[in-house]
Amino acid sequence: MFKPIPNFENYLISEDGVIVSKRGVVTPYLKRGYLRIRLNKESKRYDFGVHKLVAIAYLGEPEGGLEVNHIDANKTNNHVSNLEWLSHADNVRLARNKPITVMDEAGAITTYPSRTALGKALWGETSTMRDNLPKYIAKGKIPKFGLTIIEA
């Protein structure tokens, strides 16, 4: 089932994030782990996360200040059943409490119960360096410690 994308009536979106126009399927691209899409309207180009468009089309417009959360924490699973509107604080809390798996240079794999736990293990209890963890997660590596992020 396809629905029109609000404010972009020349585009339709399915429950799992497939977007079509009069010309056919619109191909998304990956940016920071999220599927994104460029839509054109009145000679202007607009960039959106596919997850946000699915949520708007199928869950309705959000109340002020809400953002989309991927329930299973898989940023590419944009099916409407995997999306919900949350406050920024709740979305950040869920992300910080999600397990994270890393591999060191020797190939040893370790899973930490949360991003916070990994940050504390690497930089200590009081260091603010763990605030940089999202930057490293986006790159997939923590070079100073020779770690590759396998699953975040």
N, C-alpha and C. Protein backbone atom coordinates (compact mmCIF):
# COMPACT_ATOMS: atom_id res chain seq x y z
N MET A 1 0.84 -1.18 0.00
CA MET A 1 0.00 0.00 0.00
C MET A 1 0.90 1.25 0.00
N PHE A 2 0.58 2.19 -0.84
CA PHE A 2 1.32 3.45 -0.93
C PHE A 2 0.42 4.60 -0.51
N LYS A 3 1.04 5.58 0.12
CA LYS A 3 0.33 6.80 0.50
C LYS A 3 1.10 8.00 -0.06
N PRO A 4 0.39 9.11 -0.33
CA PRO A 4 1.11 10.32 -0.74
C PRO A 4 1.98 10.84 0.41
N ILE A 5 3.11 11.40 0.07
CA ILE A 5 3.95 12.05 1.08
C ILE A 5 3.38 13.46 1.31
N PRO A 6 2.96 13.79 2.52
CA PRO A 6 2.40 15.12 2.76
C PRO A 6 3.32 16.24 2.27
N ASN A 7 2.74 17.19 1.58
CA ASN A 7 3.44 18.35 1.00
C ASN A 7 4.29 18.00 -0.22
N PHE A 8 4.34 16.72 -0.59
CA PHE A 8 5.07 16.28 -1.78
C PHE A 8 4.17 15.30 -2.54
N GLU A 9 3.06 15.79 -3.03
CA GLU A 9 2.02 14.95 -3.61
C GLU A 9 2.44 14.19 -4.86
N ASN A 10 3.55 14.58 -5.48
CA ASN A 10 4.04 13.86 -6.66
C ASN A 10 4.81 12.59 -6.29
N TYR A 11 4.92 12.32 -4.99
CA TYR A 11 5.63 11.15 -4.51
C TYR A 11 4.71 10.32 -3.62
N LEU A 12 4.90 9.00 -3.72
CA LEU A 12 4.18 8.06 -2.86
C LEU A 12 5.20 7.27 -2.05
N ILE A 13 4.78 6.82 -0.86
CA ILE A 13 5.68 6.05 0.00
C ILE A 13 4.95 4.83 0.54
N SER A 14 5.66 3.71 0.61
CA SER A 14 5.08 2.47 1.14
C SER A 14 5.34 2.38 2.64
N GLU A 15 4.73 1.39 3.28
CA GLU A 15 4.90 1.18 4.71
C GLU A 15 6.34 0.86 5.09
N ASP A 16 7.12 0.34 4.14
CA ASP A 16 8.51 0.03 4.44
C ASP A 16 9.51 1.01 3.83
N GLY A 17 9.02 2.15 3.33
CA GLY A 17 9.91 3.22 2.91
C GLY A 17 10.29 3.24 1.44
N VAL A 18 9.64 2.46 0.61
CA VAL A 18 9.89 2.55 -0.83
C VAL A 18 9.17 3.79 -1.35
N ILE A 19 9.90 4.64 -2.06
CA ILE A 19 9.35 5.90 -2.56
C ILE A 19 9.31 5.85 -4.08
N VAL A 20 8.16 6.23 -4.63
CA VAL A 20 8.00 6.26 -6.08
C VAL A 20 7.50 7.62 -6.52
N SER A 21 7.89 7.98 -7.73
CA SER A 21 7.41 9.20 -8.36
C SER A 21 6.81 8.80 -9.70
N LYS A 22 6.43 9.77 -10.50
CA LYS A 22 5.91 9.47 -11.84
C LYS A 22 6.95 8.77 -12.70
N ARG A 23 8.21 8.98 -12.39
CA ARG A 23 9.31 8.39 -13.17
C ARG A 23 9.72 7.01 -12.67
N GLY A 24 9.18 6.56 -11.55
CA GLY A 24 9.52 5.24 -11.01
C GLY A 24 10.05 5.31 -9.59
N VAL A 25 10.75 4.27 -9.18
CA VAL A 25 11.27 4.19 -7.81
C VAL A 25 12.40 5.19 -7.63
N VAL A 26 12.36 5.90 -6.52
CA VAL A 26 13.41 6.86 -6.17
C VAL A 26 14.41 6.12 -5.27
N THR A 27 15.67 6.14 -5.66
CA THR A 27 16.69 5.40 -4.93
C THR A 27 17.25 6.23 -3.78
N PRO A 28 17.19 5.69 -2.55
CA PRO A 28 17.77 6.41 -1.41
C PRO A 28 19.28 6.24 -1.37
N TYR A 29 19.93 7.04 -0.56
CA TYR A 29 21.37 6.91 -0.33
C TYR A 29 21.59 6.81 1.17
N LEU A 30 22.75 6.32 1.57
CA LEU A 30 23.07 6.11 2.98
C LEU A 30 23.92 7.25 3.50
N LYS A 31 23.51 7.82 4.63
CA LYS A 31 24.29 8.87 5.27
C LYS A 31 24.21 8.68 6.78
N ARG A 32 25.37 8.48 7.40
CA ARG A 32 25.47 8.25 8.84
C ARG A 32 24.58 7.10 9.30
N GLY A 33 24.47 6.09 8.46
CA GLY A 33 23.71 4.91 8.81
C GLY A 33 22.23 4.96 8.48
N TYR A 34 21.74 6.14 8.08
CA TYR A 34 20.32 6.31 7.76
C TYR A 34 20.11 6.37 6.25
N LEU A 35 18.99 5.79 5.79
CA LEU A 35 18.61 5.95 4.39
C LEU A 35 17.99 7.33 4.22
N ARG A 36 18.48 8.05 3.23
CA ARG A 36 17.99 9.41 2.97
C ARG A 36 17.52 9.49 1.53
N ILE A 37 16.72 10.51 1.26
CA ILE A 37 16.13 10.66 -0.07
C ILE A 37 16.08 12.15 -0.43
N ARG A 38 16.23 12.44 -1.71
CA ARG A 38 16.07 13.82 -2.19
C ARG A 38 14.79 13.90 -3.00
N LEU A 39 13.94 14.83 -2.63
CA LEU A 39 12.69 15.05 -3.34
C LEU A 39 12.73 16.43 -3.96
N ASN A 40 12.11 16.57 -5.13
CA ASN A 40 12.06 17.86 -5.82
C ASN A 40 10.64 18.39 -5.80
N LYS A 41 10.56 19.70 -5.60
CA LYS A 41 9.26 20.37 -5.62
C LYS A 41 9.49 21.82 -6.05
N GLU A 42 8.80 22.20 -7.09
CA GLU A 42 8.88 23.58 -7.59
C GLU A 42 10.33 24.02 -7.79
N SER A 43 11.10 23.19 -8.47
CA SER A 43 12.51 23.44 -8.81
C SER A 43 13.44 23.53 -7.61
N LYS A 44 12.99 23.08 -6.45
CA LYS A 44 13.85 23.05 -5.26
C LYS A 44 14.04 21.61 -4.84
N ARG A 45 15.22 21.34 -4.27
CA ARG A 45 15.55 19.99 -3.80
C ARG A 45 15.48 19.96 -2.27
N TYR A 46 14.83 18.92 -1.75
CA TYR A 46 14.67 18.74 -0.32
C TYR A 46 15.23 17.38 0.09
N ASP A 47 15.94 17.34 1.20
CA ASP A 47 16.59 16.13 1.68
C ASP A 47 15.89 15.66 2.96
N PHE A 48 15.51 14.36 3.01
CA PHE A 48 14.79 13.82 4.16
C PHE A 48 15.34 12.44 4.52
N GLY A 49 15.22 12.10 5.78
CA GLY A 49 15.40 10.72 6.20
C GLY A 49 14.16 9.94 5.79
N VAL A 50 14.35 8.76 5.21
CA VAL A 50 13.22 7.94 4.79
C VAL A 50 12.36 7.60 6.00
N HIS A 51 12.98 7.34 7.15
CA HIS A 51 12.23 7.00 8.35
C HIS A 51 11.25 8.12 8.75
N LYS A 52 11.68 9.35 8.58
CA LYS A 52 10.80 10.47 8.94
C LYS A 52 9.60 10.56 7.99
N LEU A 53 9.85 10.34 6.70
CA LEU A 53 8.75 10.39 5.73
C LEU A 53 7.74 9.26 5.97
N VAL A 54 8.24 8.05 6.29
CA VAL A 54 7.33 6.94 6.60
C VAL A 54 6.50 7.29 7.83
N ALA A 55 7.15 7.81 8.87
CA ALA A 55 6.44 8.15 10.10
C ALA A 55 5.38 9.23 9.86
N ILE A 56 5.71 10.24 9.10
CA ILE A 56 4.74 11.31 8.82
C ILE A 56 3.56 10.76 8.03
N ALA A 57 3.84 9.95 7.00
CA ALA A 57 2.77 9.43 6.14
C ALA A 57 1.87 8.44 6.87
N TYR A 58 2.43 7.60 7.75
CA TYR A 58 1.66 6.52 8.34
C TYR A 58 1.30 6.73 9.81
N LEU A 59 2.11 7.51 10.54
CA LEU A 59 1.82 7.75 11.96
C LEU A 59 1.24 9.15 12.18
N GLY A 60 1.30 9.99 11.16
CA GLY A 60 0.80 11.36 11.27
C GLY A 60 1.89 12.33 11.65
N GLU A 61 1.59 13.59 11.48
CA GLU A 61 2.55 14.65 11.82
C GLU A 61 2.85 14.60 13.32
N PRO A 62 4.11 14.79 13.70
CA PRO A 62 4.45 14.73 15.12
C PRO A 62 4.02 15.99 15.85
N GLU A 63 3.84 15.83 17.16
CA GLU A 63 3.64 17.00 18.01
C GLU A 63 4.99 17.70 18.13
N GLY A 64 4.98 18.92 18.56
CA GLY A 64 6.21 19.70 18.63
C GLY A 64 7.33 19.00 19.38
N GLY A 65 8.51 19.02 18.78
CA GLY A 65 9.71 18.52 19.44
C GLY A 65 9.93 17.02 19.39
N LEU A 66 9.05 16.27 18.74
CA LEU A 66 9.23 14.82 18.70
C LEU A 66 10.08 14.42 17.49
N GLU A 67 10.78 13.30 17.62
CA GLU A 67 11.60 12.78 16.54
C GLU A 67 11.35 11.28 16.40
N VAL A 68 11.79 10.73 15.29
CA VAL A 68 11.52 9.32 14.99
C VAL A 68 12.55 8.43 15.68
N ASN A 69 12.08 7.36 16.30
CA ASN A 69 12.93 6.33 16.87
C ASN A 69 12.72 5.03 16.11
N HIS A 70 13.82 4.34 15.82
CA HIS A 70 13.76 2.98 15.25
C HIS A 70 13.69 2.02 16.44
N ILE A 71 12.57 1.37 16.62
CA ILE A 71 12.34 0.53 17.79
C ILE A 71 13.40 -0.56 17.92
N ASP A 72 13.79 -1.20 16.81
CA ASP A 72 14.79 -2.26 16.87
C ASP A 72 16.22 -1.73 16.77
N ALA A 73 16.38 -0.42 16.74
CA ALA A 73 17.68 0.26 16.67
C ALA A 73 18.41 0.04 15.35
N ASN A 74 17.75 -0.55 14.36
CA ASN A 74 18.32 -0.73 13.03
C ASN A 74 17.92 0.49 12.19
N LYS A 75 18.88 1.36 11.91
CA LYS A 75 18.59 2.62 11.23
C LYS A 75 18.09 2.45 9.80
N THR A 76 18.26 1.27 9.23
CA THR A 76 17.78 1.07 7.86
C THR A 76 16.45 0.32 7.80
N ASN A 77 15.93 -0.10 8.94
CA ASN A 77 14.62 -0.76 8.99
C ASN A 77 13.56 0.33 9.15
N ASN A 78 13.04 0.80 8.03
CA ASN A 78 12.12 1.93 8.04
C ASN A 78 10.66 1.52 7.92
N HIS A 79 10.34 0.27 8.24
CA HIS A 79 8.94 -0.17 8.21
C HIS A 79 8.17 0.55 9.31
N VAL A 80 6.95 0.96 9.01
CA VAL A 80 6.15 1.73 9.96
C VAL A 80 6.00 1.03 11.30
N SER A 81 5.98 -0.31 11.31
CA SER A 81 5.85 -1.04 12.58
C SER A 81 7.09 -0.92 13.45
N ASN A 82 8.20 -0.43 12.89
CA ASN A 82 9.45 -0.27 13.62
C ASN A 82 9.72 1.18 14.01
N LEU A 83 8.77 2.06 13.76
CA LEU A 83 8.98 3.49 14.02
C LEU A 83 8.01 4.00 15.06
N GLU A 84 8.48 4.98 15.82
CA GLU A 84 7.62 5.65 16.80
C GLU A 84 8.14 7.07 17.01
N TRP A 85 7.24 7.96 17.43
CA TRP A 85 7.63 9.32 17.76
C TRP A 85 8.04 9.36 19.23
N LEU A 86 9.20 9.96 19.52
CA LEU A 86 9.70 10.12 20.89
C LEU A 86 10.26 11.52 21.07
N SER A 87 10.37 11.92 22.32
CA SER A 87 11.07 13.17 22.60
C SER A 87 12.56 12.95 22.34
N HIS A 88 13.28 14.01 22.14
CA HIS A 88 14.73 13.90 21.90
C HIS A 88 15.40 13.22 23.10
N ALA A 89 15.01 13.60 24.31
CA ALA A 89 15.62 13.03 25.52
C ALA A 89 15.40 11.52 25.58
N ASP A 90 14.20 11.06 25.27
CA ASP A 90 13.93 9.62 25.29
C ASP A 90 14.70 8.90 24.19
N ASN A 91 14.79 9.50 23.01
CA ASN A 91 15.52 8.90 21.90
C ASN A 91 17.01 8.74 22.25
N VAL A 92 17.59 9.77 22.85
CA VAL A 92 19.00 9.72 23.26
C VAL A 92 19.20 8.67 24.36
N ARG A 93 18.29 8.63 25.32
CA ARG A 93 18.38 7.65 26.41
C ARG A 93 18.37 6.23 25.86
N LEU A 94 17.48 5.95 24.92
CA LEU A 94 17.42 4.62 24.32
C LEU A 94 18.71 4.29 23.56
N ALA A 95 19.24 5.26 22.82
CA ALA A 95 20.47 5.03 22.05
C ALA A 95 21.65 4.75 22.98
N ARG A 96 21.73 5.47 24.08
CA ARG A 96 22.85 5.28 25.02
C ARG A 96 22.77 3.93 25.73
N ASN A 97 21.57 3.41 25.89
CA ASN A 97 21.39 2.16 26.63
C ASN A 97 21.37 0.93 25.73
N LYS A 98 21.66 1.11 24.46
CA LYS A 98 21.68 0.00 23.51
C LYS A 98 23.06 -0.67 23.54
N PRO A 99 23.10 -2.00 23.49
CA PRO A 99 24.41 -2.68 23.47
C PRO A 99 25.24 -2.28 22.25
N ILE A 100 26.56 -2.33 22.42
CA ILE A 100 27.48 -2.01 21.33
C ILE A 100 28.59 -3.06 21.32
N THR A 101 28.91 -3.57 20.14
CA THR A 101 29.91 -4.63 19.99
C THR A 101 31.10 -4.08 19.21
N VAL A 102 32.30 -4.34 19.74
CA VAL A 102 33.54 -3.86 19.10
C VAL A 102 34.51 -5.02 18.93
N MET A 103 35.44 -4.84 17.98
CA MET A 103 36.49 -5.83 17.76
C MET A 103 37.84 -5.11 17.84
N ASP A 104 38.76 -5.69 18.60
CA ASP A 104 40.08 -5.07 18.69
C ASP A 104 40.98 -5.57 17.56
N GLU A 105 42.22 -5.05 17.50
CA GLU A 105 43.13 -5.38 16.41
C GLU A 105 43.51 -6.86 16.36
N ALA A 106 43.42 -7.54 17.50
CA ALA A 106 43.75 -8.97 17.56
C ALA A 106 42.56 -9.84 17.15
N GLY A 107 41.40 -9.20 16.92
CA GLY A 107 40.22 -9.95 16.51
C GLY A 107 39.29 -10.33 17.64
N ALA A 108 39.63 -9.93 18.87
CA ALA A 108 38.77 -10.23 20.02
C ALA A 108 37.52 -9.35 19.96
N ILE A 109 36.38 -9.96 20.18
CA ILE A 109 35.10 -9.26 20.12
C ILE A 109 34.54 -9.10 21.52
N THR A 110 34.12 -7.88 21.83
CA THR A 110 33.53 -7.57 23.14
C THR A 110 32.23 -6.82 22.93
N THR A 111 31.20 -7.22 23.67
CA THR A 111 29.93 -6.51 23.65
C THR A 111 29.76 -5.80 24.98
N TYR A 112 29.54 -4.50 24.92
CA TYR A 112 29.28 -3.70 26.10
C TYR A 112 27.76 -3.51 26.22
N PRO A 113 27.24 -3.43 27.43
CA PRO A 113 25.79 -3.32 27.60
C PRO A 113 25.19 -2.01 27.09
N SER A 114 26.05 -0.99 26.94
CA SER A 114 25.56 0.30 26.46
C SER A 114 26.72 1.13 25.93
N ARG A 115 26.38 2.18 25.21
CA ARG A 115 27.41 3.11 24.73
C ARG A 115 28.08 3.79 25.92
N THR A 116 27.30 4.08 26.93
CA THR A 116 27.85 4.71 28.13
C THR A 116 28.90 3.79 28.76
N ALA A 117 28.61 2.50 28.84
CA ALA A 117 29.56 1.55 29.43
C ALA A 117 30.85 1.49 28.62
N LEU A 118 30.75 1.49 27.29
CA LEU A 118 31.94 1.50 26.44
C LEU A 118 32.73 2.77 26.67
N GLY A 119 32.06 3.90 26.68
CA GLY A 119 32.75 5.18 26.91
C GLY A 119 33.49 5.21 28.23
N LYS A 120 32.86 4.71 29.27
CA LYS A 120 33.51 4.67 30.59
C LYS A 120 34.70 3.72 30.59
N ALA A 121 34.56 2.57 29.90
CA ALA A 121 35.65 1.60 29.84
C ALA A 121 36.87 2.18 29.11
N LEU A 122 36.63 2.98 28.08
CA LEU A 122 37.73 3.53 27.30
C LEU A 122 38.33 4.78 27.92
N TRP A 123 37.50 5.69 28.37
CA TRP A 123 37.98 7.00 28.81
C TRP A 123 37.86 7.25 30.30
N GLY A 124 37.24 6.34 31.03
CA GLY A 124 37.12 6.51 32.48
C GLY A 124 35.79 7.13 32.89
N GLU A 125 35.56 7.07 34.16
CA GLU A 125 34.29 7.50 34.75
C GLU A 125 34.02 8.99 34.57
N THR A 126 35.04 9.81 34.69
CA THR A 126 34.82 11.25 34.72
C THR A 126 35.18 11.96 33.41
N SER A 127 35.78 11.27 32.46
CA SER A 127 36.21 11.91 31.23
C SER A 127 35.03 12.34 30.37
N THR A 128 35.17 13.48 29.75
CA THR A 128 34.14 13.93 28.81
C THR A 128 34.42 13.43 27.40
N MET A 129 35.52 12.70 27.20
CA MET A 129 35.84 12.15 25.88
C MET A 129 34.74 11.23 25.38
N ARG A 130 34.04 10.56 26.32
CA ARG A 130 32.99 9.64 25.88
C ARG A 130 31.86 10.38 25.16
N ASP A 131 31.80 11.71 25.32
CA ASP A 131 30.82 12.50 24.57
C ASP A 131 31.11 12.47 23.07
N ASN A 132 32.35 12.10 22.71
CA ASN A 132 32.73 12.00 21.29
C ASN A 132 32.36 10.64 20.69
N LEU A 133 31.82 9.74 21.49
CA LEU A 133 31.51 8.40 21.00
C LEU A 133 30.61 8.39 19.77
N PRO A 134 29.56 9.23 19.69
CA PRO A 134 28.73 9.21 18.47
C PRO A 134 29.54 9.47 17.19
N LYS A 135 30.55 10.34 17.28
CA LYS A 135 31.42 10.62 16.12
C LYS A 135 32.16 9.35 15.69
N TYR A 136 32.69 8.62 16.65
CA TYR A 136 33.40 7.39 16.34
C TYR A 136 32.45 6.32 15.81
N ILE A 137 31.27 6.23 16.39
CA ILE A 137 30.29 5.24 15.94
C ILE A 137 29.92 5.50 14.49
N ALA A 138 29.74 6.77 14.13
CA ALA A 138 29.41 7.12 12.75
C ALA A 138 30.52 6.70 11.79
N LYS A 139 31.78 6.79 12.24
CA LYS A 139 32.92 6.40 11.40
C LYS A 139 33.18 4.90 11.44
N GLY A 140 32.66 4.22 12.47
CA GLY A 140 32.83 2.77 12.58
C GLY A 140 34.15 2.35 13.20
N LYS A 141 34.91 3.31 13.72
CA LYS A 141 36.22 2.99 14.31
C LYS A 141 36.53 3.94 15.47
N ILE A 142 37.32 3.41 16.41
CA ILE A 142 37.88 4.24 17.48
C ILE A 142 39.39 4.03 17.39
N PRO A 143 40.06 4.82 16.52
CA PRO A 143 41.47 4.57 16.18
C PRO A 143 42.42 4.54 17.36
N LYS A 144 42.24 5.42 18.32
CA LYS A 144 43.18 5.50 19.45
C LYS A 144 43.27 4.16 20.18
N PHE A 145 42.18 3.42 20.19
CA PHE A 145 42.14 2.14 20.90
C PHE A 145 42.19 0.95 19.95
N GLY A 146 42.33 1.19 18.64
CA GLY A 146 42.40 0.12 17.66
C GLY A 146 41.13 -0.71 17.59
N LEU A 147 39.98 -0.07 17.79
CA LEU A 147 38.71 -0.79 17.81
C LEU A 147 37.91 -0.53 16.55
N THR A 148 37.27 -1.56 16.07
CA THR A 148 36.29 -1.45 14.97
C THR A 148 34.92 -1.72 15.57
N ILE A 149 33.97 -0.87 15.27
CA ILE A 149 32.61 -1.05 15.78
C ILE A 149 31.89 -2.01 14.85
N ILE A 150 31.45 -3.13 15.40
CA ILE A 150 30.77 -4.15 14.61
C ILE A 150 29.28 -3.91 14.58
N GLU A 151 28.73 -3.60 15.74
CA GLU A 151 27.28 -3.40 15.83
C GLU A 151 27.01 -2.33 16.87
N ALA A 152 26.28 -1.30 16.45
CA ALA A 152 25.97 -0.21 17.37
C ALA A 152 24.49 0.09 17.31
